[in-house]
Amino acid sequence: MKPTRCHTLCLSLLLVMALAGAQAFAGDLSRQHTFFSGTQYPLTVHFIQGTEPGPTVMVQGGIQGDEVSGYLTAQILTHAEVSRGNLIVIPRANVPTVLAAKRQINVDLNRRFDQDYDTFFEDRLARVISFLLKRSDAFVHLHEGSGFYHPTYVDDLRNPRRYGQSIIIDTPIFEGRINLAEVATSVLGKLNHSIVPAYQFKLFNTNTFANNTTHPEQRKSLTFHALSSAGIPALAIEVSKNIRQLGWKVLQQLRATELTLEQYGVELRLPEFTEQEIDRYAQASSRMHINGLPVVPGQDMTLALASGGTVEVTLDGPQESVFDPVPAVFASDRPDLNLVSTPRLALSRFQRLDVWADGTRLSRVNVAWQNASQAALSGATPRLGPTPLFACWLNGKLRFVPAGGVLEAVKGDQLVLEGVWGTRGEREEVLNFKGYVSQPRRNDGQDAGEEIILDPGVFIGRYIESAADGSSWSCRVVRETPGEARAQFQVRFVPRTVDALRLRNGDGELVIVPWNEDGRFALPAGAYTLDGLWSNGPRDKVLATSESRPLPWGEGLSIAPGSESVITLRQATTFRPISRMTLAAE
């Protein structure tokens, strides 16, 4: 088939998809939603509706945290005014790697799309990203690779094994209907005329579908998944890590993205900013208080803290910058736990707190330890008994469990082991959650200060006591601090159950939907608000979805006459489905 014919078919396909995209966004406002909110791996997604109907294109950056240009380009795009079509933008697909400024934490997220994995937090992110692709008509992935791609070997930086300054496709033509090569070639023709030859972009075909491909690892990538599983056009735009001018790279990647979106039928106007603003964007950002003290970028400060006191981080309103860097605070003894999401009970002494934004350190907070005893603190503190008392955070709330006791929880709950109340404070206690490996590359038995999602599927089976009828699971947390008496407590958690869904109709009246798995409930056509649910656990650990969009609590749901909507309730921390029902108009 000739390329021109394929291009015609591709455009025809996009016209059909435009109708589907317009329908998918019908009734939506341009808004954002954060999946996994309150965890260490939040995934913020922006839904931008155009003023005129058109296809929905998904753009993503930040799947690997050392690729700064990709997530800045995507973030700028979230401030665009879309005149035709719609955008789904994920600026930072992998926040922990962005904060650490490295490619991966446990595994490479861009190699987790060949199947539905269920081991690491990266697999939960992949699950949502795949879910959003179902709502998209095309996909653009933003990267930053080493060197400069060249089809033949020139030198160590310019050769076929480099990725920088390229538009990457998995195949020239997919299934005779999606002409990726022609789209990419058209973009390159418009993009390169203003770029010096040494920095011009090139077309990089990885031939991922071919048996003799030299890039078989790409079969696990997101662009391959978008093509082969979602059946939508997908390509990647890579700038080079070897170009030092960050602002210049972002401008070129943004231009390439805009041209690609035009090819797919999305028209927009970008916000105004300068190259200099990009180069210094992170250093200028701070809207943070630590225990009420404002953080000033570039200035160190001192925080007075008593043993047994709490460290709490608060943020002042939304970001004002177009770049919206992700804030973080890490204690020197727990460099992996972002205190913006989880408070800290200071049972062991640490030297400092480091304040970061997108992997750039803004300031250092030195800790001045006070001599106040734990017993002299607020009346909320427990009294010491003859046995150790364990402190932990369950869904962000402080809980104390005596040795030999049981912490009751629900599947999908979030647990952070803090320490042992009454510890001497000179060193951190070693708390081992048996059956859970918090650091795959450093399995030293230390799980204190790590976020643990209570999901039996990710624990080592021999350490879990499961009820024969599947009604509960039990795990042990063991104190293994050298020189201290061994002690333990149990974590017992049960499946999430839902009794009813609460809605509000247009008049504000409460509508109760008895929840029956795979059941059906009829109600008058109209607009409703998701008010809440009756369940055995907190509401914020459940997420409602309809088709391929989230339905946040407090927001609207419309049921047109003669239509129906399938509502799926999911674990908010894993995105695994709990159950679903069909709501149908009477």
Protein backbone atom coordinates (compact mmCIF):
# COMPACT_ATOMS: atom_id res chain seq x y z
CA MET A 1 0.00 0.00 0.00
CA LYS A 2 1.33 3.42 -0.89
CA PRO A 3 2.15 5.82 1.96
CA THR A 4 -0.22 8.49 0.62
CA ARG A 5 -3.09 6.01 0.72
CA CYS A 6 -2.11 5.01 4.29
CA HIS A 7 -2.05 8.65 5.30
CA THR A 8 -5.54 9.12 3.90
CA LEU A 9 -6.73 6.11 5.87
CA CYS A 10 -5.02 7.41 8.99
CA LEU A 11 -6.76 10.78 8.66
CA SER A 12 -10.09 9.07 8.05
CA LEU A 13 -9.52 7.00 11.15
CA LEU A 14 -8.79 10.14 13.16
CA LEU A 15 -12.02 11.75 11.95
CA VAL A 16 -13.92 8.77 13.31
CA MET A 17 -11.93 8.91 16.53
CA ALA A 18 -12.65 12.64 16.80
CA LEU A 19 -16.31 11.84 17.29
CA ALA A 20 -15.43 9.28 19.94
CA GLY A 21 -13.09 11.75 21.61
CA ALA A 22 -15.72 14.46 21.67
CA GLN A 23 -18.20 12.02 23.16
CA ALA A 24 -15.66 10.94 25.82
CA PHE A 25 -15.21 14.54 26.93
CA ALA A 26 -18.87 15.47 26.71
CA GLY A 27 -19.94 17.23 29.88
CA ASP A 28 -16.41 17.37 31.30
CA LEU A 29 -14.75 20.54 32.46
CA SER A 30 -11.08 21.15 31.84
CA ARG A 31 -9.72 19.91 35.13
CA GLN A 32 -7.11 17.77 36.78
CA HIS A 33 -7.27 14.63 38.88
CA THR A 34 -4.58 13.04 41.02
CA PHE A 35 -4.62 9.27 41.15
CA PHE A 36 -2.97 7.71 44.23
CA SER A 37 -3.36 10.98 46.09
CA GLY A 38 -1.67 10.94 49.50
CA THR A 39 0.78 8.20 48.52
CA GLN A 40 4.44 8.45 47.62
CA TYR A 41 3.58 7.97 43.93
CA PRO A 42 0.82 10.51 43.06
CA LEU A 43 -0.13 10.64 39.39
CA THR A 44 -1.64 13.98 38.37
CA VAL A 45 -3.52 13.98 35.08
CA HIS A 46 -4.87 17.06 33.28
CA PHE A 47 -8.00 16.81 31.13
CA ILE A 48 -8.24 19.78 28.78
CA GLN A 49 -11.35 20.18 26.67
CA GLY A 50 -11.19 22.21 23.49
CA THR A 51 -13.76 24.79 22.49
CA GLU A 52 -14.41 22.85 19.26
CA PRO A 53 -14.81 19.05 19.04
CA GLY A 54 -11.96 16.90 17.80
CA PRO A 55 -9.82 13.91 18.68
CA THR A 56 -8.40 13.32 22.16
CA VAL A 57 -4.61 13.02 22.27
CA MET A 58 -2.71 11.89 25.34
CA VAL A 59 0.72 13.43 26.01
CA GLN A 60 3.00 12.14 28.74
CA GLY A 61 6.38 13.05 30.21
CA GLY A 62 8.35 12.09 33.29
CA ILE A 63 8.17 8.33 33.00
CA GLN A 64 11.86 8.43 33.91
CA GLY A 65 12.87 11.12 36.38
CA ASP A 66 16.25 12.00 34.86
CA GLU A 67 14.54 13.26 31.69
CA VAL A 68 13.74 16.80 32.78
CA SER A 69 12.77 18.22 29.40
CA GLY A 70 9.97 15.69 28.97
CA TYR A 71 8.12 16.54 32.14
CA LEU A 72 8.62 20.30 31.77
CA THR A 73 7.33 20.22 28.19
CA ALA A 74 4.26 18.26 29.29
CA GLN A 75 3.69 20.58 32.25
CA ILE A 76 3.75 23.66 30.04
CA LEU A 77 1.22 21.95 27.81
CA THR A 78 -1.23 21.74 30.73
CA HIS A 79 -1.55 25.55 30.56
CA ALA A 80 -2.40 25.58 26.85
CA GLU A 81 -5.69 26.91 25.50
CA VAL A 82 -7.12 24.21 23.23
CA SER A 83 -9.33 25.48 20.41
CA ARG A 84 -9.95 22.13 18.70
CA GLY A 85 -9.85 18.62 20.11
CA ASN A 86 -8.94 17.56 23.62
CA LEU A 87 -5.81 16.74 25.60
CA ILE A 88 -5.02 14.28 28.35
CA VAL A 89 -1.66 15.37 29.78
CA ILE A 90 0.43 13.51 32.34
CA PRO A 91 3.43 15.73 33.11
CA ARG A 92 5.20 13.52 35.69
CA ALA A 93 4.23 9.90 35.23
CA ASN A 94 6.71 8.71 37.85
CA VAL A 95 7.05 11.28 40.65
CA PRO A 96 9.45 9.23 42.86
CA THR A 97 12.00 9.13 40.03
CA VAL A 98 11.53 12.85 39.34
CA LEU A 99 12.26 13.66 42.99
CA ALA A 100 15.27 11.34 42.93
CA ALA A 101 16.37 12.62 39.50
CA LYS A 102 17.05 9.09 38.25
CA ARG A 103 15.67 6.63 35.73
CA GLN A 104 14.00 4.18 38.08
CA ILE A 105 13.33 3.27 41.70
CA ASN A 106 12.40 -0.43 41.61
CA VAL A 107 11.95 -1.12 37.91
CA ASP A 108 11.85 0.90 34.69
CA LEU A 109 8.22 2.00 34.32
CA ASN A 110 8.61 2.13 30.54
CA ARG A 111 9.23 -1.63 30.56
CA ARG A 112 6.04 -2.59 32.44
CA PHE A 113 3.43 -2.46 29.67
CA ASP A 114 3.72 -5.93 28.13
CA GLN A 115 1.48 -7.40 30.85
CA ASP A 116 -0.40 -6.40 34.00
CA TYR A 117 2.34 -6.67 36.62
CA ASP A 118 1.50 -6.41 40.31
CA THR A 119 4.70 -6.12 42.33
CA PHE A 120 5.83 -2.50 42.63
CA PHE A 121 4.26 0.96 42.75
CA GLU A 122 5.41 1.36 39.13
CA ASP A 123 2.91 -1.36 38.18
CA ARG A 124 0.06 0.64 39.68
CA LEU A 125 1.11 3.67 37.67
CA ALA A 126 1.20 1.55 34.51
CA ARG A 127 -2.32 0.32 35.27
CA VAL A 128 -3.74 3.87 35.30
CA ILE A 129 -1.77 4.96 32.25
CA SER A 130 -3.16 1.98 30.29
CA PHE A 131 -6.64 2.87 31.53
CA LEU A 132 -6.31 6.44 30.20
CA LEU A 133 -5.12 5.24 26.80
CA LYS A 134 -8.60 3.78 26.29
CA ARG A 135 -9.93 7.32 26.26
CA SER A 136 -7.35 8.53 23.76
CA ASP A 137 -7.21 8.64 19.97
CA ALA A 138 -3.42 9.11 19.74
CA PHE A 139 -0.43 9.19 22.08
CA VAL A 140 2.75 11.29 22.25
CA HIS A 141 5.53 10.29 24.66
CA LEU A 142 8.15 12.86 25.70
CA HIS A 143 11.67 11.68 26.52
CA GLU A 144 15.26 12.84 26.88
CA GLY A 145 17.90 10.40 25.62
CA SER A 146 21.67 10.29 25.54
CA GLY A 147 23.70 11.48 22.59
CA PHE A 148 22.30 12.07 19.11
CA TYR A 149 20.59 9.39 17.10
CA HIS A 150 22.14 8.78 13.70
CA PRO A 151 21.24 5.88 11.37
CA THR A 152 24.95 5.14 10.77
CA TYR A 153 27.93 5.26 13.12
CA VAL A 154 29.66 8.65 13.19
CA ASP A 155 31.24 8.65 16.63
CA ASP A 156 30.45 7.62 20.20
CA LEU A 157 27.75 10.28 20.56
CA ARG A 158 26.21 9.96 17.09
CA ASN A 159 25.23 6.42 16.18
CA PRO A 160 22.26 4.03 15.92
CA ARG A 161 22.41 3.17 19.64
CA ARG A 162 21.77 6.74 20.78
CA TYR A 163 18.27 8.16 21.25
CA GLY A 164 18.62 11.93 21.59
CA GLN A 165 17.21 14.42 19.03
CA SER A 166 14.88 11.94 17.37
CA ILE A 167 11.24 11.11 16.76
CA ILE A 168 10.89 7.42 17.51
CA ILE A 169 8.33 5.12 15.91
CA ASP A 170 7.89 1.37 16.42
CA THR A 171 6.98 0.77 12.77
CA PRO A 172 6.48 2.96 9.69
CA ILE A 173 2.91 1.76 9.07
CA PHE A 174 0.78 -0.13 11.58
CA GLU A 175 -1.84 -2.56 10.30
CA GLY A 176 -2.05 -0.68 7.01
CA ARG A 177 -4.04 2.14 8.62
CA ILE A 178 -1.73 4.20 10.85
CA ASN A 179 1.12 5.89 8.96
CA LEU A 180 3.54 6.89 11.70
CA ALA A 181 6.44 7.51 9.31
CA GLU A 182 4.52 10.11 7.31
CA VAL A 183 3.35 11.96 10.43
CA ALA A 184 6.89 12.02 11.85
CA THR A 185 8.44 13.06 8.53
CA SER A 186 6.00 15.94 8.18
CA VAL A 187 6.82 17.14 11.69
CA LEU A 188 10.57 16.89 11.07
CA GLY A 189 10.30 18.92 7.86
CA LYS A 190 8.73 21.83 9.73
CA LEU A 191 10.79 21.48 12.90
CA ASN A 192 14.36 21.20 11.57
CA HIS A 193 14.49 24.25 9.30
CA SER A 194 15.19 26.52 12.29
CA ILE A 195 17.69 24.19 14.02
CA VAL A 196 21.40 24.00 13.24
CA PRO A 197 22.33 20.70 11.53
CA ALA A 198 24.23 19.30 14.53
CA TYR A 199 21.10 19.47 16.68
CA GLN A 200 18.45 18.56 14.14
CA PHE A 201 15.98 15.76 14.89
CA LYS A 202 15.97 12.51 12.91
CA LEU A 203 13.45 9.76 12.33
CA PHE A 204 14.29 6.68 14.40
CA ASN A 205 12.38 3.53 13.44
CA THR A 206 13.03 0.81 16.05
CA ASN A 207 11.16 -1.80 13.94
CA THR A 208 9.80 -3.19 17.19
CA PHE A 209 7.31 -5.51 15.49
CA ALA A 210 9.96 -7.20 13.32
CA ASN A 211 11.40 -10.53 14.39
CA ASN A 212 14.93 -9.27 13.75
CA THR A 213 14.54 -5.94 15.55
CA THR A 214 17.61 -4.72 17.40
CA HIS A 215 15.32 -3.21 20.04
CA PRO A 216 13.23 -6.11 21.39
CA GLU A 217 13.00 -4.37 24.79
CA GLN A 218 10.70 -1.82 23.14
CA ARG A 219 7.97 -4.46 23.10
CA LYS A 220 7.52 -3.67 26.79
CA SER A 221 7.32 0.09 26.19
CA LEU A 222 4.32 2.37 26.33
CA THR A 223 4.32 3.42 22.66
CA PHE A 224 4.33 -0.23 21.57
CA HIS A 225 1.50 -0.92 24.03
CA ALA A 226 -0.50 2.03 22.69
CA LEU A 227 -0.20 0.67 19.15
CA SER A 228 -0.57 -3.05 19.74
CA SER A 229 -3.12 -3.04 22.60
CA ALA A 230 -4.99 0.26 22.35
CA GLY A 231 -4.74 0.43 18.55
CA ILE A 232 -3.93 4.15 18.45
CA PRO A 233 -1.09 6.10 16.76
CA ALA A 234 1.87 6.51 19.11
CA LEU A 235 5.33 8.01 18.85
CA ALA A 236 8.06 9.39 21.10
CA ILE A 237 9.85 12.75 20.88
CA GLU A 238 13.38 12.65 22.34
CA VAL A 239 15.71 15.54 22.99
CA SER A 240 19.34 15.01 23.94
CA LYS A 241 20.76 14.91 27.45
CA ASN A 242 24.04 16.06 25.93
CA ILE A 243 22.59 19.47 25.09
CA ARG A 244 23.08 21.51 28.25
CA GLN A 245 20.67 24.35 27.52
CA LEU A 246 17.51 23.08 29.23
CA GLY A 247 15.39 26.01 28.06
CA TRP A 248 16.35 25.48 24.42
CA LYS A 249 15.56 21.76 24.61
CA VAL A 250 12.14 22.34 26.14
CA LEU A 251 11.28 24.91 23.47
CA GLN A 252 12.21 22.50 20.68
CA GLN A 253 10.38 19.58 22.23
CA LEU A 254 7.34 21.75 22.80
CA ARG A 255 7.42 22.85 19.16
CA ALA A 256 7.72 19.22 18.00
CA THR A 257 4.78 18.27 20.22
CA GLU A 258 2.65 21.13 18.90
CA LEU A 259 3.38 20.08 15.31
CA THR A 260 2.52 16.47 16.10
CA LEU A 261 -0.76 17.50 17.71
CA GLU A 262 -1.59 19.48 14.58
CA GLN A 263 -1.06 16.32 12.55
CA TYR A 264 -3.59 14.57 14.76
CA GLY A 265 -6.16 17.37 14.57
CA VAL A 266 -5.60 19.19 17.88
CA GLU A 267 -5.12 22.97 17.75
CA LEU A 268 -3.94 25.04 20.71
CA ARG A 269 -2.26 28.20 21.93
CA LEU A 270 0.65 27.87 24.33
CA PRO A 271 1.26 30.07 27.40
CA GLU A 272 3.94 32.74 27.35
CA PHE A 273 7.28 32.11 29.07
CA THR A 274 10.97 32.64 28.40
CA GLU A 275 13.88 30.28 27.95
CA GLN A 276 15.51 31.85 31.01
CA GLU A 277 12.47 31.03 33.16
CA ILE A 278 12.84 27.36 32.22
CA ASP A 279 16.52 27.28 33.18
CA ARG A 280 15.82 28.48 36.72
CA TYR A 281 12.25 27.29 37.24
CA ALA A 282 12.83 25.01 40.26
CA GLN A 283 14.96 27.41 42.32
CA ALA A 284 12.24 30.05 42.22
CA SER A 285 9.57 27.76 43.62
CA SER A 286 8.44 27.36 47.21
CA ARG A 287 5.05 27.50 48.89
CA MET A 288 5.92 25.35 51.85
CA HIS A 289 5.82 25.54 55.64
CA ILE A 290 7.42 23.02 57.99
CA ASN A 291 5.75 23.08 61.40
CA GLY A 292 4.53 26.55 60.52
CA LEU A 293 7.93 27.93 59.46
CA PRO A 294 8.05 29.25 55.87
CA VAL A 295 10.69 27.76 53.58
CA VAL A 296 12.67 30.29 51.52
CA PRO A 297 14.60 28.88 48.54
CA GLY A 298 18.35 29.29 48.93
CA GLN A 299 18.16 29.95 52.66
CA ASP A 300 18.94 27.38 55.34
CA MET A 301 16.88 27.40 58.51
CA THR A 302 16.74 25.70 61.90
CA LEU A 303 13.78 23.76 63.25
CA ALA A 304 13.41 23.18 67.00
CA LEU A 305 12.09 19.68 67.56
CA ALA A 306 11.51 17.61 70.68
CA SER A 307 11.88 13.86 70.79
CA GLY A 308 8.42 12.46 70.13
CA GLY A 309 7.33 15.60 68.30
CA THR A 310 5.71 15.65 64.88
CA VAL A 311 7.05 17.05 61.63
CA GLU A 312 4.25 18.31 59.39
CA VAL A 313 4.59 19.95 55.98
CA THR A 314 1.88 22.23 54.61
CA LEU A 315 1.57 23.86 51.19
CA ASP A 316 0.14 27.32 50.55
CA GLY A 317 -2.45 27.04 47.80
CA PRO A 318 -1.85 26.06 44.18
CA GLN A 319 1.33 26.63 42.24
CA GLU A 320 1.57 29.99 40.47
CA SER A 321 4.35 28.93 38.10
CA VAL A 322 3.58 27.48 34.68
CA PHE A 323 6.15 24.76 35.45
CA ASP A 324 4.55 23.51 38.71
CA PRO A 325 7.50 21.62 40.24
CA VAL A 326 6.66 18.84 42.68
CA PRO A 327 7.70 19.72 46.25
CA ALA A 328 9.34 17.27 48.64
CA VAL A 329 10.85 17.15 52.12
CA PHE A 330 13.13 14.28 53.09
CA ALA A 331 14.65 13.57 56.50
CA SER A 332 18.35 12.75 56.37
CA ASP A 333 17.77 9.26 57.79
CA ARG A 334 14.85 8.47 55.45
CA PRO A 335 15.75 9.78 52.00
CA ASP A 336 12.88 7.89 50.31
CA LEU A 337 9.87 9.11 52.31
CA ASN A 338 8.41 12.42 51.15
CA LEU A 339 7.01 14.17 54.23
CA VAL A 340 4.75 16.32 52.06
CA SER A 341 2.55 13.22 51.77
CA THR A 342 3.22 11.58 55.14
CA PRO A 343 3.94 13.26 58.51
CA ARG A 344 6.84 12.15 60.69
CA LEU A 345 6.81 11.28 64.38
CA ALA A 346 10.33 12.00 65.60
CA LEU A 347 11.08 8.91 67.67
CA SER A 348 14.71 8.77 66.51
CA ARG A 349 16.99 11.72 65.96
CA PHE A 350 18.04 12.87 62.50
CA GLN A 351 20.32 15.72 61.48
CA ARG A 352 18.29 17.68 58.97
CA LEU A 353 15.42 17.98 56.54
CA ASP A 354 16.16 18.64 52.88
CA VAL A 355 13.65 20.61 50.82
CA TRP A 356 13.43 19.72 47.14
CA ALA A 357 11.48 20.62 44.01
CA ASP A 358 11.65 18.25 41.02
CA GLY A 359 14.96 16.77 42.19
CA THR A 360 16.59 20.17 42.86
CA ARG A 361 17.44 20.96 46.48
CA LEU A 362 16.05 24.33 47.51
CA SER A 363 17.18 24.58 51.10
CA ARG A 364 18.33 22.68 54.18
CA VAL A 365 16.52 22.66 57.52
CA ASN A 366 18.83 21.80 60.40
CA VAL A 367 17.18 20.18 63.42
CA ALA A 368 17.88 21.53 66.91
CA TRP A 369 16.80 18.81 69.31
CA GLN A 370 15.11 19.89 72.53
CA ASN A 371 15.47 18.10 75.83
CA ALA A 372 11.77 17.77 76.54
CA SER A 373 10.92 14.20 77.47
CA GLN A 374 8.30 12.29 75.56
CA ALA A 375 6.18 11.95 78.66
CA ALA A 376 5.97 15.74 78.92
CA LEU A 377 4.43 16.15 75.51
CA SER A 378 0.73 16.58 74.72
CA GLY A 379 -1.98 14.59 76.44
CA ALA A 380 -2.45 12.59 73.23
CA THR A 381 0.79 10.73 73.84
CA PRO A 382 0.43 7.25 75.31
CA ARG A 383 1.91 6.14 78.58
CA LEU A 384 4.76 3.69 78.58
CA GLY A 385 3.90 0.23 79.87
CA PRO A 386 5.93 -2.88 80.59
CA THR A 387 5.94 -3.90 76.89
CA PRO A 388 7.08 -1.96 73.79
CA LEU A 389 4.54 0.26 72.11
CA PHE A 390 4.73 0.48 68.31
CA ALA A 391 3.87 3.72 66.51
CA CYS A 392 2.66 3.77 62.91
CA TRP A 393 0.62 5.84 60.47
CA LEU A 394 -2.49 4.17 59.04
CA ASN A 395 -3.96 6.20 56.19
CA GLY A 396 -2.15 9.26 57.55
CA LYS A 397 -3.46 8.87 61.10
CA LEU A 398 -1.16 8.05 64.01
CA ARG A 399 -1.85 4.71 65.68
CA PHE A 400 -0.18 3.01 68.66
CA VAL A 401 -0.13 -0.79 68.94
CA PRO A 402 1.23 -2.66 71.99
CA ALA A 403 3.59 -5.58 71.53
CA GLY A 404 1.44 -8.66 71.01
CA GLY A 405 -1.46 -6.49 69.84
CA VAL A 406 -3.31 -6.30 66.53
CA LEU A 407 -3.69 -3.37 64.13
CA GLU A 408 -7.00 -3.70 62.28
CA ALA A 409 -7.09 -2.42 58.70
CA VAL A 410 -8.73 -2.84 55.30
CA LYS A 411 -7.24 -4.09 52.05
CA GLY A 412 -5.70 -1.18 50.16
CA ASP A 413 -4.93 0.83 53.30
CA GLN A 414 -1.65 2.75 53.51
CA LEU A 415 0.74 1.90 56.37
CA VAL A 416 3.99 3.57 57.44
CA LEU A 417 5.87 2.01 60.34
CA GLU A 418 7.27 4.82 62.48
CA GLY A 419 9.12 3.22 65.36
CA VAL A 420 8.85 2.23 69.00
CA TRP A 421 7.51 4.73 71.52
CA GLY A 422 9.95 5.33 74.33
CA THR A 423 13.01 4.45 72.28
CA ARG A 424 16.25 6.09 73.37
CA GLY A 425 16.22 8.19 70.20
CA GLU A 426 19.90 7.66 69.40
CA ARG A 427 19.22 5.38 66.46
CA GLU A 428 16.31 4.24 64.37
CA GLU A 429 14.54 1.04 65.33
CA VAL A 430 14.57 -1.83 62.84
CA LEU A 431 10.99 -2.89 62.12
CA ASN A 432 10.56 -5.81 59.72
CA PHE A 433 7.17 -6.25 58.05
CA LYS A 434 7.47 -9.96 57.35
CA GLY A 435 6.71 -10.87 53.76
CA TYR A 436 7.21 -7.37 52.38
CA VAL A 437 10.39 -6.23 50.61
CA SER A 438 10.55 -2.44 50.66
CA GLN A 439 13.86 -2.16 48.82
CA PRO A 440 14.39 -4.98 46.27
CA ARG A 441 18.06 -4.09 45.85
CA ARG A 442 18.64 -3.80 49.60
CA ASN A 443 16.58 -6.38 51.46
CA ASP A 444 17.99 -5.70 54.92
CA GLY A 445 14.76 -6.25 56.83
CA GLN A 446 14.30 -2.55 57.60
CA ASP A 447 10.78 -1.42 56.73
CA ALA A 448 10.47 1.55 59.10
CA GLY A 449 9.85 4.73 57.17
CA GLU A 450 8.63 2.88 54.07
CA GLU A 451 5.14 3.18 52.61
CA ILE A 452 3.40 -0.20 52.63
CA ILE A 453 0.11 -0.74 50.79
CA LEU A 454 -1.85 -3.58 52.39
CA ASP A 455 -2.31 -5.73 49.32
CA PRO A 456 -1.83 -9.49 49.86
CA GLY A 457 -0.96 -9.94 46.18
CA VAL A 458 2.42 -8.22 46.62
CA PHE A 459 3.47 -9.96 49.84
CA ILE A 460 5.48 -13.17 50.04
CA GLY A 461 2.83 -15.83 50.54
CA ARG A 462 4.49 -17.92 53.23
CA TYR A 463 4.49 -14.98 55.62
CA ILE A 464 0.77 -14.29 55.30
CA GLU A 465 -1.88 -16.07 57.33
CA SER A 466 -5.01 -16.16 55.18
CA ALA A 467 -8.42 -17.14 56.49
CA ALA A 468 -9.77 -20.19 54.69
CA ASP A 469 -12.79 -18.24 53.45
CA GLY A 470 -10.68 -15.28 52.29
CA SER A 471 -12.23 -13.03 54.92
CA SER A 472 -8.94 -11.71 56.32
CA TRP A 473 -5.15 -11.71 56.09
CA SER A 474 -2.62 -11.37 58.91
CA CYS A 475 1.04 -10.34 58.80
CA ARG A 476 3.66 -9.77 61.50
CA VAL A 477 5.74 -6.69 62.21
CA VAL A 478 8.82 -7.68 64.20
CA ARG A 479 11.22 -5.46 66.12
CA GLU A 480 14.74 -6.57 65.10
CA THR A 481 16.80 -3.71 66.50
CA PRO A 482 20.25 -4.95 67.56
CA GLY A 483 20.63 -4.88 71.34
CA GLU A 484 16.89 -4.47 71.97
CA ALA A 485 14.35 -7.04 73.11
CA ARG A 486 12.56 -8.71 70.24
CA ALA A 487 8.84 -7.90 70.06
CA GLN A 488 6.10 -7.96 67.46
CA PHE A 489 2.52 -7.09 66.61
CA GLN A 490 0.07 -8.24 63.96
CA VAL A 491 -1.50 -6.36 61.09
CA ARG A 492 -4.87 -7.89 60.28
CA PHE A 493 -6.73 -6.59 57.25
CA VAL A 494 -9.99 -7.58 55.61
CA PRO A 495 -11.39 -7.15 52.08
CA ARG A 496 -13.00 -3.86 51.23
CA THR A 497 -16.79 -4.16 51.28
CA VAL A 498 -19.31 -1.64 49.98
CA ASP A 499 -22.92 -1.59 51.16
CA ALA A 500 -24.29 1.40 49.27
CA LEU A 501 -23.38 4.33 47.04
CA ARG A 502 -24.69 7.77 48.01
CA LEU A 503 -25.72 10.21 45.30
CA ARG A 504 -27.32 13.67 45.33
CA ASN A 505 -29.78 14.57 42.60
CA GLY A 506 -30.17 17.99 41.01
CA ASP A 507 -32.36 19.15 43.91
CA GLY A 508 -29.74 18.12 46.48
CA GLU A 509 -31.80 15.16 47.67
CA LEU A 510 -30.00 12.05 48.84
CA VAL A 511 -30.30 8.99 46.60
CA ILE A 512 -29.19 5.63 48.04
CA VAL A 513 -27.95 2.98 45.60
CA PRO A 514 -27.73 -0.44 47.31
CA TRP A 515 -24.45 -1.85 46.06
CA ASN A 516 -24.60 -5.30 44.47
CA GLU A 517 -21.61 -6.58 42.53
CA ASP A 518 -22.40 -6.70 38.79
CA GLY A 519 -25.93 -5.58 39.67
CA ARG A 520 -28.18 -3.04 38.03
CA PHE A 521 -30.03 -0.07 39.54
CA ALA A 522 -32.58 2.16 37.80
CA LEU A 523 -32.98 5.83 38.65
CA PRO A 524 -34.44 8.91 36.94
CA ALA A 525 -32.37 10.42 34.13
CA GLY A 526 -30.54 13.56 35.17
CA ALA A 527 -27.45 14.97 36.83
CA TYR A 528 -26.14 13.53 40.08
CA THR A 529 -23.29 14.22 42.46
CA LEU A 530 -21.19 11.43 43.93
CA ASP A 531 -21.71 12.06 47.63
CA GLY A 532 -20.00 9.06 49.21
CA LEU A 533 -20.46 5.44 50.15
CA TRP A 534 -21.18 3.18 53.07
CA SER A 535 -18.23 0.89 53.47
CA ASN A 536 -15.89 -0.69 56.02
CA GLY A 537 -13.05 1.73 55.30
CA PRO A 538 -12.33 5.39 54.53
CA ARG A 539 -13.93 6.87 51.43
CA ASP A 540 -10.69 8.36 50.13
CA LYS A 541 -9.23 4.88 49.67
CA VAL A 542 -11.90 4.13 47.06
CA LEU A 543 -12.02 5.67 43.57
CA ALA A 544 -15.06 5.53 41.32
CA THR A 545 -14.53 5.30 37.56
CA SER A 546 -16.87 5.28 34.58
CA GLU A 547 -15.57 3.75 31.36
CA SER A 548 -12.13 5.39 31.07
CA ARG A 549 -12.48 8.41 33.32
CA PRO A 550 -12.26 9.01 37.07
CA LEU A 551 -15.32 10.15 39.01
CA PRO A 552 -13.99 12.02 42.05
CA TRP A 553 -16.17 12.29 45.15
CA GLY A 554 -18.18 15.50 45.14
CA GLU A 555 -18.23 15.77 41.35
CA GLY A 556 -21.01 15.16 38.87
CA LEU A 557 -22.35 12.18 36.98
CA SER A 558 -24.96 12.53 34.23
CA ILE A 559 -27.30 9.78 33.08
CA ALA A 560 -29.11 10.64 29.87
CA PRO A 561 -32.60 9.27 29.09
CA GLY A 562 -32.41 5.75 27.75
CA SER A 563 -28.73 5.38 28.66
CA GLU A 564 -26.78 3.56 31.30
CA SER A 565 -23.42 3.98 33.00
CA VAL A 566 -21.18 1.27 34.42
CA ILE A 567 -19.58 2.45 37.67
CA THR A 568 -16.49 0.62 38.84
CA LEU A 569 -15.22 1.12 42.38
CA ARG A 570 -11.45 0.66 42.68
CA GLN A 571 -8.83 0.59 45.39
CA ALA A 572 -7.47 4.15 45.33
CA THR A 573 -3.96 2.98 46.27
CA THR A 574 -3.63 0.18 43.67
CA PHE A 575 -6.32 0.94 41.06
CA ARG A 576 -7.46 -2.67 41.29
CA PRO A 577 -11.25 -3.04 40.84
CA ILE A 578 -13.36 -3.84 43.90
CA SER A 579 -16.72 -4.29 42.18
CA ARG A 580 -18.98 -2.64 39.64
CA MET A 581 -22.62 -1.85 39.00
CA THR A 582 -24.72 -0.50 36.16
CA LEU A 583 -26.79 2.63 36.72
CA ALA A 584 -29.56 2.89 34.15
CA ALA A 585 -32.07 5.66 33.43
CA GLU A 586 -35.67 4.70 34.18
